């Protein structure tokens, strides 16, 4: 029989410091036995004092109040998360502590019994503000997203017909994230700064050809936009994407990411979408279907633990990109077979690189 162990003071060998004890009996009174000197004695637990704390919960432009009960000696800090019940139905929701009021002062942390008010905001769903630069103008939009939703530097987002790329993220403590591949959860974000896809094309074109952008229009004149596709260095962008995945997902084996470097994702997409191929997002391949985000392909392939010589059956091949990555992992001697029910996608995938039979 295995006894439950608790820490308690022993009147015989350790009257001041807690030591391990076996619980011998729990009802009607708790009886314990010291594991050091075998003294048997009753155990009287001390009930910790509780304190009620007023909580202000912000959600967008509105706010509500609630009350939580905490142990008096509990330390509460800014950026702590907990569950509160609020609203007429008493719905439970996650909140993030943004400020603490104690004795007419705002502090970063305090004991529960010293706190007057905790200021919080909902993190189940948050409003994320995004500033998008389009040529010479900047506009702001808002997105309602789950608080746990991650935004990544270099990620391609869309709003209606528009696409834009995240360039930097400002969090609520004033810090900026700018390095490609860095991630921040929505609940910590103050504002996202992004460039429109048209602006990104101008920048790529300028770096490659030295061609300057048209100047700011005068007297309401139009801005001339470039025509045709841009010459993009797909291999460079692919390596930058994979390097970002290496830093964000250290648990993914190098063998998987090396295989993804060898598979040109843009080749599995329609020409109109190829310029977005190395953003870490799912993208349309037609017929209401999408090509999976690169990080998702990496995670799935890592979990499969594929080795050379193995055979793989994939159901739902789409454009064939995932199958091509798996084919790299089972070389030499292996084969990947994938089934696709939509004829146009199956026909599209057959033309693409990779040792897979579709």
Protein backbone atom coordinates (compact mmCIF):
# COMPACT_ATOMS: atom_id res chain seq x y z
CA UNK A 1 0.00 0.00 0.00
CA UNK A 2 1.36 3.44 -0.95
CA UNK A 3 0.62 6.23 1.51
CA UNK A 4 0.08 9.82 0.46
CA UNK A 5 2.96 12.07 1.55
CA UNK A 6 2.52 15.56 3.01
CA UNK A 7 4.92 18.10 4.50
CA UNK A 8 4.32 18.85 8.20
CA UNK A 9 6.20 19.72 11.38
CA UNK A 10 7.11 16.77 13.62
CA UNK A 11 6.82 17.47 17.39
CA UNK A 12 9.65 15.00 18.07
CA UNK A 13 12.39 15.60 15.48
CA UNK A 14 11.43 18.75 13.56
CA UNK A 15 9.14 21.12 15.50
CA UNK A 16 9.98 24.17 13.36
CA UNK A 17 10.59 22.88 9.83
CA UNK A 18 8.19 20.70 7.80
CA UNK A 19 9.38 17.19 6.93
CA UNK A 20 7.73 14.35 4.94
CA UNK A 21 4.92 12.44 6.66
CA UNK A 22 2.76 9.48 5.64
CA UNK A 23 -1.00 9.98 6.00
CA UNK A 24 -2.31 7.05 8.05
CA UNK A 25 -5.91 8.13 8.55
CA UNK A 26 -8.02 11.01 7.25
CA UNK A 27 -11.33 10.68 9.10
CA UNK A 28 -12.57 11.79 11.54
CA UNK A 29 -9.17 13.40 12.31
CA UNK A 30 -6.02 13.32 10.20
CA UNK A 31 -3.33 11.08 11.66
CA UNK A 32 0.19 11.18 10.19
CA UNK A 33 3.53 9.41 10.70
CA UNK A 34 6.93 11.11 10.42
CA UNK A 35 9.12 9.37 7.82
CA UNK A 36 12.28 10.39 9.71
CA UNK A 37 11.59 9.29 13.31
CA UNK A 38 8.33 7.30 12.87
CA UNK A 39 6.48 9.47 15.41
CA UNK A 40 2.70 9.25 14.93
CA UNK A 41 0.72 12.38 15.72
CA UNK A 42 -2.42 14.28 14.63
CA UNK A 43 -2.25 16.88 11.86
CA UNK A 44 -4.09 20.18 12.02
CA UNK A 45 -4.10 22.11 8.76
CA UNK A 46 -4.14 25.87 8.84
CA UNK A 47 -6.88 27.43 6.76
CA UNK A 48 -5.50 30.32 4.75
CA UNK A 49 -7.35 33.60 4.85
CA UNK A 50 -9.22 34.65 1.74
CA UNK A 51 -9.76 38.14 0.37
CA UNK A 52 -12.19 39.59 -2.17
CA UNK A 53 -10.72 41.70 -4.98
CA UNK A 54 -12.59 44.01 -7.34
CA UNK A 55 -11.82 43.32 -10.99
CA UNK A 56 -12.48 45.65 -13.93
CA UNK A 57 -12.73 43.72 -17.22
CA UNK A 58 -12.28 45.59 -20.50
CA UNK A 59 -13.57 44.26 -23.80
CA UNK A 60 -13.09 46.68 -26.67
CA UNK A 61 -14.70 50.03 -25.74
CA UNK A 62 -16.83 48.62 -22.91
CA UNK A 63 -16.01 47.31 -19.46
CA UNK A 64 -17.67 45.34 -16.67
CA UNK A 65 -16.80 44.66 -13.04
CA UNK A 66 -16.58 41.43 -11.12
CA UNK A 67 -15.08 40.04 -7.92
CA UNK A 68 -12.58 37.26 -7.42
CA UNK A 69 -11.59 35.46 -4.21
CA UNK A 70 -7.88 34.83 -3.66
CA UNK A 71 -5.73 33.64 -0.77
CA UNK A 72 -4.55 36.70 1.14
CA UNK A 73 -0.83 36.00 0.68
CA UNK A 74 -1.14 35.25 -3.05
CA UNK A 75 1.08 37.51 -5.18
CA UNK A 76 -0.69 38.91 -8.25
CA UNK A 77 1.32 40.56 -11.04
CA UNK A 78 0.74 42.40 -14.31
CA UNK A 79 0.45 39.90 -17.23
CA UNK A 80 -0.96 37.18 -14.95
CA UNK A 81 -3.94 35.33 -16.40
CA UNK A 82 -6.92 33.88 -14.58
CA UNK A 83 -10.60 33.05 -15.05
CA UNK A 84 -13.38 35.38 -13.90
CA UNK A 85 -17.14 35.19 -14.10
CA UNK A 86 -18.79 38.26 -15.60
CA UNK A 87 -21.89 39.38 -17.46
CA UNK A 88 -25.55 38.79 -16.63
CA UNK A 89 -25.20 35.03 -17.14
CA UNK A 90 -21.98 34.77 -15.13
CA UNK A 91 -19.97 33.51 -18.11
CA UNK A 92 -16.44 32.35 -17.28
CA UNK A 93 -13.69 33.86 -19.41
CA UNK A 94 -9.93 34.30 -19.43
CA UNK A 95 -8.56 37.75 -18.60
CA UNK A 96 -5.07 39.26 -18.61
CA UNK A 97 -3.97 41.61 -15.81
CA UNK A 98 -2.99 44.99 -17.29
CA UNK A 99 -2.74 47.12 -14.14
CA UNK A 100 -2.95 46.77 -10.35
CA UNK A 101 -4.17 49.48 -7.97
CA UNK A 102 -2.88 49.26 -4.39
CA UNK A 103 -3.18 52.11 -1.89
CA UNK A 104 -3.95 54.75 -4.56
CA UNK A 105 -0.90 53.67 -6.55
CA UNK A 106 -0.42 51.63 -9.70
CA UNK A 107 2.02 48.78 -9.07
CA UNK A 108 3.36 45.83 -11.07
CA UNK A 109 2.62 43.25 -8.36
CA UNK A 110 1.19 43.03 -4.84
CA UNK A 111 -0.24 40.66 -2.24
CA UNK A 112 -3.92 39.95 -2.75
CA UNK A 113 -4.89 41.52 0.60
CA UNK A 114 -3.11 44.77 -0.40
CA UNK A 115 -4.91 45.17 -3.73
CA UNK A 116 -7.84 47.56 -4.19
CA UNK A 117 -8.60 46.92 -7.88
CA UNK A 118 -7.25 44.74 -10.66
CA UNK A 119 -7.61 46.08 -14.22
CA UNK A 120 -7.87 43.37 -16.86
CA UNK A 121 -8.95 42.73 -20.42
CA UNK A 122 -10.57 39.76 -22.11
CA UNK A 123 -8.20 37.42 -23.93
CA UNK A 124 -10.73 34.88 -25.27
CA UNK A 125 -11.30 37.24 -28.21
CA UNK A 126 -9.32 40.45 -28.71
CA UNK A 127 -9.38 43.37 -31.14
CA UNK A 128 -6.03 43.65 -32.92
CA UNK A 129 -5.20 46.99 -34.54
CA UNK A 130 -3.23 46.92 -37.78
CA UNK A 131 -1.63 49.88 -39.59
CA UNK A 132 -1.14 49.14 -43.31
CA UNK A 133 1.16 51.23 -45.49
CA UNK A 134 -0.08 51.57 -49.07
CA UNK A 135 2.29 53.66 -51.16
CA UNK A 136 2.31 57.07 -49.47
CA UNK A 137 -0.71 56.46 -47.28
CA UNK A 138 -1.31 54.51 -44.10
CA UNK A 139 -4.70 53.17 -43.07
CA UNK A 140 -5.81 51.36 -39.92
CA UNK A 141 -8.02 48.31 -39.68
CA UNK A 142 -9.08 46.05 -36.82
CA UNK A 143 -9.30 42.26 -36.66
CA UNK A 144 -11.27 40.24 -34.09
CA UNK A 145 -9.19 37.16 -33.30
CA UNK A 146 -8.74 34.63 -30.46
CA UNK A 147 -6.30 35.86 -27.82
CA UNK A 148 -4.09 32.81 -28.39
CA UNK A 149 -3.79 33.53 -32.12
CA UNK A 150 -0.12 34.02 -33.05
CA UNK A 151 1.00 36.71 -35.49
CA UNK A 152 4.40 36.26 -37.14
CA UNK A 153 6.81 38.78 -38.64
CA UNK A 154 6.72 38.14 -42.39
CA UNK A 155 3.25 36.56 -42.25
CA UNK A 156 0.84 37.33 -45.09
CA UNK A 157 -2.62 38.45 -43.93
CA UNK A 158 -5.74 39.33 -45.87
CA UNK A 159 -8.71 41.63 -45.35
CA UNK A 160 -11.33 41.26 -48.06
CA UNK A 161 -9.50 41.38 -51.40
CA UNK A 162 -6.40 43.03 -49.89
CA UNK A 163 -3.23 41.27 -48.80
CA UNK A 164 -0.53 42.67 -46.55
CA UNK A 165 2.67 41.50 -44.87
CA UNK A 166 3.53 42.01 -41.18
CA UNK A 167 6.74 44.05 -40.82
CA UNK A 168 6.81 44.73 -37.07
CA UNK A 169 4.70 44.23 -33.96
CA UNK A 170 4.45 46.53 -30.95
CA UNK A 171 3.49 44.86 -27.67
CA UNK A 172 1.84 46.52 -24.71
CA UNK A 173 5.04 47.17 -22.78
CA UNK A 174 6.36 49.23 -25.71
CA UNK A 175 8.76 46.60 -27.10
CA UNK A 176 8.95 46.03 -30.87
CA UNK A 177 9.41 42.71 -32.67
CA UNK A 178 10.97 43.06 -36.13
CA UNK A 179 12.93 39.89 -36.89
CA UNK A 180 11.47 37.61 -39.54
CA UNK A 181 9.83 34.57 -37.95
CA UNK A 182 9.27 36.11 -34.49
CA UNK A 183 5.79 35.37 -33.08
CA UNK A 184 3.54 37.27 -30.67
CA UNK A 185 0.14 36.20 -29.34
CA UNK A 186 -2.71 38.61 -30.10
CA UNK A 187 -3.50 39.18 -26.41
CA UNK A 188 -0.09 40.86 -25.93
CA UNK A 189 -0.18 43.04 -29.06
CA UNK A 190 -0.79 46.79 -29.04
CA UNK A 191 -0.46 47.33 -32.79
CA UNK A 192 0.72 45.51 -35.91
CA UNK A 193 2.51 47.42 -38.67
CA UNK A 194 2.22 45.97 -42.16
CA UNK A 195 3.00 46.75 -45.80
CA UNK A 196 0.51 46.10 -48.56
CA UNK A 197 1.47 43.41 -51.04
CA UNK A 198 1.85 46.11 -53.74
CA UNK A 199 4.38 47.96 -51.58
CA UNK A 200 6.29 44.72 -50.95
CA UNK A 201 6.47 44.17 -54.71
CA UNK A 202 7.91 47.65 -55.21
CA UNK A 203 10.57 47.00 -52.56
CA UNK A 204 11.55 43.64 -54.08
CA UNK A 205 11.69 45.17 -57.55
CA UNK A 206 13.83 48.07 -56.35
CA UNK A 207 16.32 45.79 -54.58
CA UNK A 208 16.66 43.62 -57.68
CA UNK A 209 16.67 46.22 -60.47
CA UNK A 210 17.38 49.54 -58.76
CA UNK A 211 14.25 50.96 -60.35
CA UNK A 212 12.84 53.72 -58.16
CA UNK A 213 9.25 53.98 -57.10
CA UNK A 214 7.12 56.74 -58.60
CA UNK A 215 7.17 59.92 -56.52
CA UNK A 216 4.34 61.18 -54.41
CA UNK A 217 1.59 62.44 -56.74
CA UNK A 218 1.09 66.19 -57.03
CA UNK A 219 -2.21 67.97 -57.54
CA UNK A 220 -4.09 64.72 -57.19
CA UNK A 221 -2.29 63.01 -60.05
CA UNK A 222 -2.29 59.19 -60.20
CA UNK A 223 0.47 56.96 -58.91
CA UNK A 224 1.77 54.70 -61.68
CA UNK A 225 1.84 51.05 -60.65
CA UNK A 226 4.07 48.42 -62.23
CA UNK A 227 2.66 45.83 -64.57
CA UNK A 228 3.39 42.17 -64.86
CA UNK A 229 5.03 39.70 -62.55
CA UNK A 230 8.12 40.53 -60.53
CA UNK A 231 11.34 38.60 -60.70
CA UNK A 232 11.44 37.03 -57.25
CA UNK A 233 14.29 35.03 -55.77
CA UNK A 234 12.16 32.06 -54.72
CA UNK A 235 15.10 30.03 -53.45
CA UNK A 236 16.23 32.86 -51.15
CA UNK A 237 12.69 33.38 -49.84
CA UNK A 238 12.29 29.64 -49.29
CA UNK A 239 15.48 29.49 -47.21
CA UNK A 240 14.39 32.52 -45.18
CA UNK A 241 11.06 30.82 -44.47
CA UNK A 242 12.73 27.59 -43.36
CA UNK A 243 15.22 29.47 -41.16
CA UNK A 244 12.24 31.13 -39.49
CA UNK A 245 10.65 27.72 -38.89
CA UNK A 246 13.90 26.44 -37.34
CA UNK A 247 13.86 29.21 -34.75
CA UNK A 248 10.12 29.01 -34.04
CA UNK A 249 9.87 25.21 -33.89
CA UNK A 250 13.14 23.84 -32.45
CA UNK A 251 11.49 20.46 -31.89
CA UNK A 252 11.22 19.84 -35.65
CA UNK A 253 14.10 17.70 -36.91
CA UNK A 254 16.61 19.25 -39.32
CA UNK A 255 15.98 16.38 -41.73
CA UNK A 256 12.37 17.53 -42.20
CA UNK A 257 13.27 21.18 -42.74
CA UNK A 258 16.12 20.25 -45.09
CA UNK A 259 13.60 18.30 -47.17
CA UNK A 260 11.34 21.36 -47.33
CA UNK A 261 14.25 23.46 -48.59
CA UNK A 262 14.54 21.08 -51.56
CA UNK A 263 10.84 21.30 -52.49
CA UNK A 264 9.81 24.49 -54.35
CA UNK A 265 6.44 25.35 -52.80
CA UNK A 266 5.73 28.02 -55.43
CA UNK A 267 5.76 25.33 -58.13
CA UNK A 268 2.66 23.77 -56.56
CA UNK A 269 0.65 26.98 -56.84
CA UNK A 270 -1.00 28.93 -59.62
CA UNK A 271 1.14 31.70 -61.05
CA UNK A 272 -1.10 34.42 -59.61
CA UNK A 273 -0.40 33.13 -56.08
CA UNK A 274 3.29 32.30 -56.40
CA UNK A 275 4.50 35.64 -55.03
CA UNK A 276 2.90 34.67 -51.69
CA UNK A 277 4.36 31.14 -51.67
CA UNK A 278 6.86 31.69 -48.87
CA UNK A 279 4.60 33.41 -46.39
CA UNK A 280 3.82 30.94 -43.62
CA UNK A 281 0.11 30.74 -44.46
CA UNK A 282 -2.34 28.41 -46.17
CA UNK A 283 -3.15 29.71 -49.66
CA UNK A 284 -5.82 29.00 -52.23
CA UNK A 285 -5.18 26.36 -54.90
CA UNK A 286 -8.67 26.61 -56.40
CA UNK A 287 -11.79 24.46 -56.05
CA UNK A 288 -12.28 25.83 -52.54
CA UNK A 289 -9.11 24.05 -51.36
CA UNK A 290 -5.85 25.35 -49.87
CA UNK A 291 -2.20 24.40 -49.74
CA UNK A 292 -1.26 23.88 -46.08
CA UNK A 293 0.86 26.45 -44.25
CA UNK A 294 4.56 25.44 -44.27
CA UNK A 295 4.73 25.19 -40.47
CA UNK A 296 1.81 22.74 -40.52
CA UNK A 297 3.49 20.57 -43.17
CA UNK A 298 6.68 20.58 -41.10
CA UNK A 299 4.85 19.57 -37.92
CA UNK A 300 2.96 16.73 -39.65
CA UNK A 301 6.08 15.36 -41.34
CA UNK A 302 7.99 15.55 -38.08
CA UNK A 303 5.30 13.55 -36.28
CA UNK A 304 5.32 10.89 -39.01
CA UNK A 305 9.04 10.20 -38.39
CA UNK A 306 9.50 9.00 -41.98
CA UNK A 307 12.65 7.11 -42.93
CA UNK A 308 14.22 6.13 -46.29
CA UNK A 309 12.62 3.12 -47.96
CA UNK A 310 9.18 3.52 -46.39
CA UNK A 311 5.87 3.61 -48.27
CA UNK A 312 3.25 6.27 -47.50
CA UNK A 313 -0.42 6.58 -48.47
CA UNK A 314 -1.89 10.08 -48.27
CA UNK A 315 -5.65 10.65 -48.60
CA UNK A 316 -6.43 14.13 -49.88
CA UNK A 317 -3.40 15.08 -51.94
CA UNK A 318 -4.49 18.56 -53.01
CA UNK A 319 -1.81 20.13 -55.16
CA UNK A 320 0.80 17.51 -54.19
CA UNK A 321 3.09 19.71 -52.06
CA UNK A 322 2.85 17.64 -48.89
CA UNK A 323 3.40 14.45 -50.89
CA UNK A 324 6.51 15.93 -52.49
CA UNK A 325 7.98 16.79 -49.08
CA UNK A 326 7.25 13.27 -47.83
CA UNK A 327 8.85 11.85 -50.98
CA UNK A 328 12.07 13.66 -50.09
CA UNK A 329 11.98 12.04 -46.64
CA UNK A 330 11.51 8.44 -47.87
CA UNK A 331 14.29 8.60 -50.47
CA UNK A 332 16.01 6.41 -51.50
CA UNK A 333 13.83 3.39 -52.09
CA UNK A 334 10.56 4.76 -50.72
CA UNK A 335 7.32 5.76 -52.43
CA UNK A 336 4.47 8.14 -51.65
CA UNK A 337 0.99 7.42 -53.00
CA UNK A 338 -1.65 10.11 -52.64
CA UNK A 339 -5.37 10.09 -53.49
CA UNK A 340 -7.19 13.23 -54.65
CA UNK A 341 -10.95 13.21 -55.37
CA UNK A 342 -11.04 16.52 -57.30
CA UNK A 343 -9.95 15.79 -60.90
CA UNK A 344 -8.59 19.27 -61.66
CA UNK A 345 -6.35 19.23 -58.58
CA UNK A 346 -5.16 15.70 -59.33
CA UNK A 347 -4.28 16.74 -62.88
CA UNK A 348 -2.48 19.84 -61.59
CA UNK A 349 -0.47 17.79 -59.07
CA UNK A 350 0.65 15.21 -61.66
CA UNK A 351 2.63 17.91 -63.46
CA UNK A 352 4.58 18.91 -60.37
CA UNK A 353 8.01 17.76 -59.12
CA UNK A 354 8.42 15.07 -56.52
CA UNK A 355 8.44 11.27 -56.54
CA UNK A 356 4.75 10.73 -55.90
CA UNK A 357 2.09 8.86 -57.87
CA UNK A 358 -1.24 10.71 -57.98
